[in-house]
């Protein structure tokens, strides 16, 4: 129903990035923690497949976030988010390197 109205931090990707073009039609689908994520991004930005190097330290993204407060969700909130994101995990599951701790209904 109203998932498309969610804040961008909670919006399932099947309603955002992959709404009109499914993952199967993208050249690269990876997580930010993917071992080659940075090199994949560099190759797209520079439009050169030659920039794509083997997995090494130069291809690792630096993971930081400026948000320092913790977010506490109630069990009811977790259940709602599981429902909202179940289609997202179904669509992107094959591309995930590490499994999420978030349950899928």
N, C-alpha and C. Protein backbone atom coordinates (compact mmCIF):
# COMPACT_ATOMS: atom_id res chain seq x y z
N UNK A 1 0.72 -1.17 0.00
CA UNK A 1 0.00 0.00 0.00
C UNK A 1 0.79 1.28 0.00
N UNK A 2 1.25 1.68 1.17
CA UNK A 2 1.83 3.03 1.31
C UNK A 2 3.35 3.00 1.48
N UNK A 3 3.99 1.87 1.15
CA UNK A 3 5.44 1.76 1.33
C UNK A 3 6.19 2.84 0.56
N UNK A 4 5.68 3.24 -0.60
CA UNK A 4 6.33 4.24 -1.43
C UNK A 4 6.41 5.62 -0.79
N UNK A 5 5.68 5.82 0.30
CA UNK A 5 5.69 7.10 1.00
C UNK A 5 6.73 7.13 2.13
N UNK A 6 7.44 6.03 2.32
CA UNK A 6 8.42 5.96 3.41
C UNK A 6 9.59 6.91 3.18
N UNK A 7 10.21 7.33 4.28
CA UNK A 7 11.45 8.09 4.25
C UNK A 7 12.47 7.30 3.44
N UNK A 8 13.33 7.99 2.71
CA UNK A 8 14.31 7.36 1.83
C UNK A 8 15.20 6.35 2.58
N UNK A 9 15.41 6.54 3.88
CA UNK A 9 16.22 5.60 4.66
C UNK A 9 15.53 4.25 4.84
N UNK A 10 14.21 4.23 4.72
CA UNK A 10 13.46 3.00 4.91
C UNK A 10 12.82 2.49 3.63
N UNK A 11 12.84 3.27 2.57
CA UNK A 11 12.18 2.90 1.32
C UNK A 11 12.81 1.64 0.74
N UNK A 12 12.04 0.59 0.56
CA UNK A 12 12.59 -0.63 -0.06
C UNK A 12 13.10 -0.32 -1.47
N UNK A 13 14.21 -0.94 -1.83
CA UNK A 13 14.85 -0.62 -3.10
C UNK A 13 14.02 -1.06 -4.31
N UNK A 14 13.12 -2.01 -4.11
CA UNK A 14 12.27 -2.38 -5.25
C UNK A 14 11.26 -1.28 -5.57
N UNK A 15 11.15 -0.29 -4.68
CA UNK A 15 10.29 0.87 -4.92
C UNK A 15 11.12 2.11 -5.25
N UNK A 16 12.44 1.98 -5.24
CA UNK A 16 13.35 3.09 -5.51
C UNK A 16 14.24 2.78 -6.69
N UNK A 17 15.49 2.45 -6.41
CA UNK A 17 16.51 2.21 -7.44
C UNK A 17 16.06 1.20 -8.50
N UNK A 18 15.37 0.16 -8.07
CA UNK A 18 15.02 -0.93 -8.97
C UNK A 18 13.54 -0.93 -9.36
N UNK A 19 12.88 0.20 -9.16
CA UNK A 19 11.44 0.28 -9.46
C UNK A 19 11.16 0.06 -10.95
N UNK A 20 11.92 0.73 -11.80
CA UNK A 20 11.66 0.65 -13.24
C UNK A 20 12.62 -0.27 -13.98
N UNK A 21 13.79 -0.52 -13.41
CA UNK A 21 14.79 -1.39 -14.04
C UNK A 21 15.22 -2.44 -13.02
N UNK A 22 14.84 -3.70 -13.22
CA UNK A 22 15.15 -4.74 -12.23
C UNK A 22 16.65 -5.02 -12.15
N UNK A 23 17.12 -5.61 -11.03
CA UNK A 23 18.54 -5.90 -10.85
C UNK A 23 19.15 -6.70 -12.00
N UNK A 24 18.39 -7.60 -12.58
CA UNK A 24 18.91 -8.44 -13.66
C UNK A 24 19.32 -7.62 -14.88
N UNK A 25 18.85 -6.40 -14.99
CA UNK A 25 19.19 -5.56 -16.14
C UNK A 25 20.35 -4.60 -15.85
N UNK A 26 20.87 -4.62 -14.63
CA UNK A 26 22.00 -3.79 -14.26
C UNK A 26 23.29 -4.56 -14.54
N UNK A 27 24.36 -3.84 -14.85
CA UNK A 27 25.65 -4.48 -15.08
C UNK A 27 26.22 -5.05 -13.79
N UNK A 28 26.12 -4.28 -12.70
CA UNK A 28 26.63 -4.71 -11.41
C UNK A 28 25.59 -4.40 -10.35
N UNK A 29 25.30 -5.39 -9.51
CA UNK A 29 24.47 -5.20 -8.33
C UNK A 29 25.28 -5.75 -7.17
N UNK A 30 25.58 -4.90 -6.22
CA UNK A 30 26.40 -5.32 -5.08
C UNK A 30 26.00 -4.53 -3.85
N UNK A 31 26.50 -4.95 -2.73
CA UNK A 31 26.30 -4.20 -1.50
C UNK A 31 27.49 -3.27 -1.29
N UNK A 32 27.33 -2.31 -0.43
CA UNK A 32 28.43 -1.38 -0.14
C UNK A 32 29.63 -2.13 0.44
N UNK A 33 29.38 -3.29 1.07
CA UNK A 33 30.48 -4.06 1.65
C UNK A 33 31.02 -5.11 0.68
N UNK A 34 30.53 -5.11 -0.55
CA UNK A 34 31.05 -6.04 -1.55
C UNK A 34 32.54 -5.82 -1.76
N UNK A 35 33.30 -6.89 -1.96
CA UNK A 35 34.76 -6.76 -2.05
C UNK A 35 35.23 -5.94 -3.25
N UNK A 36 34.39 -5.77 -4.25
CA UNK A 36 34.80 -5.04 -5.44
C UNK A 36 33.92 -3.81 -5.69
N UNK A 37 33.16 -3.40 -4.68
CA UNK A 37 32.19 -2.33 -4.86
C UNK A 37 32.81 -1.02 -5.35
N UNK A 38 33.90 -0.62 -4.76
CA UNK A 38 34.52 0.66 -5.14
C UNK A 38 35.06 0.61 -6.57
N UNK A 39 35.72 -0.47 -6.94
CA UNK A 39 36.24 -0.58 -8.30
C UNK A 39 35.11 -0.65 -9.32
N UNK A 40 34.01 -1.30 -8.97
CA UNK A 40 32.85 -1.33 -9.87
C UNK A 40 32.31 0.07 -10.08
N UNK A 41 32.21 0.84 -9.01
CA UNK A 41 31.73 2.21 -9.11
C UNK A 41 32.70 3.06 -9.92
N UNK A 42 34.00 2.91 -9.67
CA UNK A 42 35.00 3.67 -10.42
C UNK A 42 34.89 3.38 -11.92
N UNK A 43 34.67 2.13 -12.29
CA UNK A 43 34.60 1.78 -13.70
C UNK A 43 33.38 2.41 -14.37
N UNK A 44 32.29 2.54 -13.64
CA UNK A 44 31.09 3.17 -14.20
C UNK A 44 31.28 4.67 -14.32
N UNK A 45 31.83 5.28 -13.28
CA UNK A 45 32.02 6.73 -13.29
C UNK A 45 33.03 7.13 -14.38
N UNK A 46 34.08 6.35 -14.52
CA UNK A 46 35.09 6.68 -15.53
C UNK A 46 34.75 6.08 -16.89
N UNK A 47 33.67 5.27 -16.94
CA UNK A 47 33.22 4.62 -18.18
C UNK A 47 34.31 3.78 -18.81
N UNK A 48 35.07 3.12 -17.96
CA UNK A 48 36.16 2.29 -18.47
C UNK A 48 36.21 0.97 -17.71
N UNK A 49 36.03 -0.11 -18.43
CA UNK A 49 36.14 -1.42 -17.81
C UNK A 49 37.59 -1.70 -17.40
N UNK A 50 38.53 -0.97 -17.99
CA UNK A 50 39.95 -1.16 -17.63
C UNK A 50 40.23 -0.71 -16.21
N UNK A 51 39.39 0.16 -15.67
CA UNK A 51 39.55 0.61 -14.30
C UNK A 51 39.15 -0.47 -13.30
N UNK A 52 38.50 -1.50 -13.77
CA UNK A 52 38.01 -2.57 -12.90
C UNK A 52 39.18 -3.49 -12.60
N UNK A 53 39.68 -3.44 -11.37
CA UNK A 53 40.81 -4.28 -11.01
C UNK A 53 40.31 -5.48 -10.22
N UNK A 54 41.19 -6.38 -9.98
CA UNK A 54 40.85 -7.53 -9.15
C UNK A 54 40.54 -7.07 -7.74
N UNK A 55 39.87 -7.92 -6.99
CA UNK A 55 39.54 -7.59 -5.61
C UNK A 55 40.83 -7.37 -4.83
N UNK A 56 40.97 -6.19 -4.26
CA UNK A 56 42.12 -5.88 -3.41
C UNK A 56 41.72 -4.76 -2.47
N UNK A 57 42.65 -4.29 -1.67
CA UNK A 57 42.35 -3.27 -0.68
C UNK A 57 41.86 -1.96 -1.31
N UNK A 58 42.29 -1.69 -2.52
CA UNK A 58 41.87 -0.45 -3.18
C UNK A 58 40.42 -0.50 -3.62
N UNK A 59 39.79 -1.66 -3.58
CA UNK A 59 38.40 -1.79 -4.03
C UNK A 59 37.42 -1.80 -2.87
N UNK A 60 37.91 -1.76 -1.65
CA UNK A 60 37.03 -1.78 -0.48
C UNK A 60 36.50 -0.38 -0.18
N UNK A 61 35.19 -0.30 0.01
CA UNK A 61 34.59 0.97 0.42
C UNK A 61 34.92 1.23 1.88
N UNK A 62 35.10 2.46 2.24
CA UNK A 62 35.27 2.83 3.64
C UNK A 62 33.87 3.06 4.18
N UNK A 63 33.49 2.30 5.19
CA UNK A 63 32.13 2.38 5.72
C UNK A 63 32.09 3.29 6.94
N UNK A 64 31.47 4.43 6.76
CA UNK A 64 31.27 5.36 7.87
C UNK A 64 29.86 5.91 7.78
N UNK A 65 29.42 6.45 8.86
CA UNK A 65 28.09 7.06 8.88
C UNK A 65 28.12 8.17 9.91
N UNK A 66 27.56 9.30 9.57
CA UNK A 66 27.56 10.45 10.47
C UNK A 66 26.48 10.39 11.53
N UNK A 67 25.54 9.50 11.38
CA UNK A 67 24.44 9.39 12.33
C UNK A 67 24.93 8.64 13.56
N UNK A 68 24.97 9.28 14.71
CA UNK A 68 25.56 8.67 15.89
C UNK A 68 24.54 8.16 16.90
N UNK A 69 23.30 8.59 16.77
CA UNK A 69 22.28 8.12 17.72
C UNK A 69 21.87 6.70 17.36
N UNK A 70 21.52 5.93 18.37
CA UNK A 70 21.03 4.59 18.09
C UNK A 70 19.54 4.66 17.80
N UNK A 71 19.07 3.70 17.05
CA UNK A 71 17.66 3.63 16.71
C UNK A 71 17.11 2.36 17.35
N UNK A 72 16.18 2.54 18.25
CA UNK A 72 15.57 1.39 18.91
C UNK A 72 14.20 1.14 18.30
N UNK A 73 13.99 -0.07 17.83
CA UNK A 73 12.71 -0.44 17.24
C UNK A 73 11.99 -1.39 18.18
N UNK A 74 10.70 -1.19 18.29
CA UNK A 74 9.90 -2.13 19.08
C UNK A 74 9.72 -3.40 18.25
N UNK A 75 9.27 -4.46 18.88
CA UNK A 75 9.02 -5.71 18.16
C UNK A 75 7.96 -5.46 17.07
N UNK A 76 6.95 -4.65 17.38
CA UNK A 76 5.91 -4.33 16.40
C UNK A 76 6.51 -3.60 15.19
N UNK A 77 7.45 -2.66 15.45
CA UNK A 77 8.12 -1.96 14.36
C UNK A 77 8.93 -2.93 13.50
N UNK A 78 9.62 -3.87 14.14
CA UNK A 78 10.41 -4.86 13.41
C UNK A 78 9.52 -5.70 12.50
N UNK A 79 8.37 -6.10 13.00
CA UNK A 79 7.44 -6.90 12.21
C UNK A 79 6.96 -6.11 10.99
N UNK A 80 6.65 -4.83 11.19
CA UNK A 80 6.20 -3.99 10.08
C UNK A 80 7.32 -3.84 9.05
N UNK A 81 8.54 -3.57 9.50
CA UNK A 81 9.67 -3.43 8.56
C UNK A 81 9.95 -4.74 7.83
N UNK A 82 9.81 -5.87 8.52
CA UNK A 82 9.97 -7.17 7.86
C UNK A 82 8.96 -7.32 6.72
N UNK A 83 7.74 -6.94 6.98
CA UNK A 83 6.70 -7.03 5.93
C UNK A 83 7.02 -6.11 4.76
N UNK A 84 7.41 -4.88 5.09
CA UNK A 84 7.69 -3.89 4.05
C UNK A 84 8.88 -4.31 3.19
N UNK A 85 9.91 -4.88 3.80
CA UNK A 85 11.14 -5.20 3.07
C UNK A 85 11.19 -6.62 2.54
N UNK A 86 10.17 -7.43 2.79
CA UNK A 86 10.22 -8.83 2.35
C UNK A 86 10.37 -8.93 0.83
N UNK A 87 9.68 -8.09 0.06
CA UNK A 87 9.81 -8.12 -1.41
C UNK A 87 11.20 -7.67 -1.84
N UNK A 88 11.75 -6.71 -1.09
CA UNK A 88 13.10 -6.22 -1.38
C UNK A 88 14.12 -7.34 -1.21
N UNK A 89 14.05 -8.05 -0.09
CA UNK A 89 14.99 -9.15 0.15
C UNK A 89 14.77 -10.29 -0.82
N UNK A 90 13.54 -10.52 -1.21
CA UNK A 90 13.24 -11.56 -2.19
C UNK A 90 13.91 -11.21 -3.52
N UNK A 91 13.81 -9.96 -3.92
CA UNK A 91 14.37 -9.50 -5.19
C UNK A 91 15.90 -9.45 -5.15
N UNK A 92 16.47 -8.98 -4.03
CA UNK A 92 17.92 -8.75 -3.96
C UNK A 92 18.70 -9.86 -3.27
N UNK A 93 18.02 -10.85 -2.73
CA UNK A 93 18.69 -11.89 -1.95
C UNK A 93 19.87 -12.55 -2.65
N UNK A 94 19.73 -12.81 -3.93
CA UNK A 94 20.82 -13.48 -4.67
C UNK A 94 22.05 -12.59 -4.82
N UNK A 95 21.90 -11.29 -4.62
CA UNK A 95 23.03 -10.37 -4.77
C UNK A 95 23.70 -10.04 -3.43
N UNK A 96 23.10 -10.45 -2.33
CA UNK A 96 23.64 -10.13 -1.01
C UNK A 96 24.83 -11.03 -0.68
N UNK A 97 25.90 -10.42 -0.21
CA UNK A 97 27.09 -11.18 0.16
C UNK A 97 26.92 -11.73 1.57
N UNK A 98 26.49 -10.87 2.47
CA UNK A 98 26.27 -11.28 3.85
C UNK A 98 24.78 -11.26 4.11
N UNK A 99 24.32 -12.26 4.82
CA UNK A 99 22.91 -12.32 5.13
C UNK A 99 22.58 -11.30 6.21
N UNK A 100 21.44 -10.69 6.08
CA UNK A 100 20.98 -9.70 7.04
C UNK A 100 20.43 -10.38 8.27
N UNK A 101 20.49 -9.69 9.39
CA UNK A 101 19.87 -10.18 10.62
C UNK A 101 18.38 -9.91 10.62
N UNK A 102 17.92 -9.18 9.61
CA UNK A 102 16.51 -8.84 9.51
C UNK A 102 15.76 -10.05 8.99
N UNK A 103 14.70 -10.40 9.66
CA UNK A 103 13.92 -11.54 9.23
C UNK A 103 13.05 -11.23 8.05
N UNK A 104 12.72 -12.25 7.31
CA UNK A 104 11.81 -12.11 6.18
C UNK A 104 10.59 -12.96 6.47
N UNK A 105 9.43 -12.36 6.38
CA UNK A 105 8.19 -13.09 6.66
C UNK A 105 7.83 -13.99 5.50
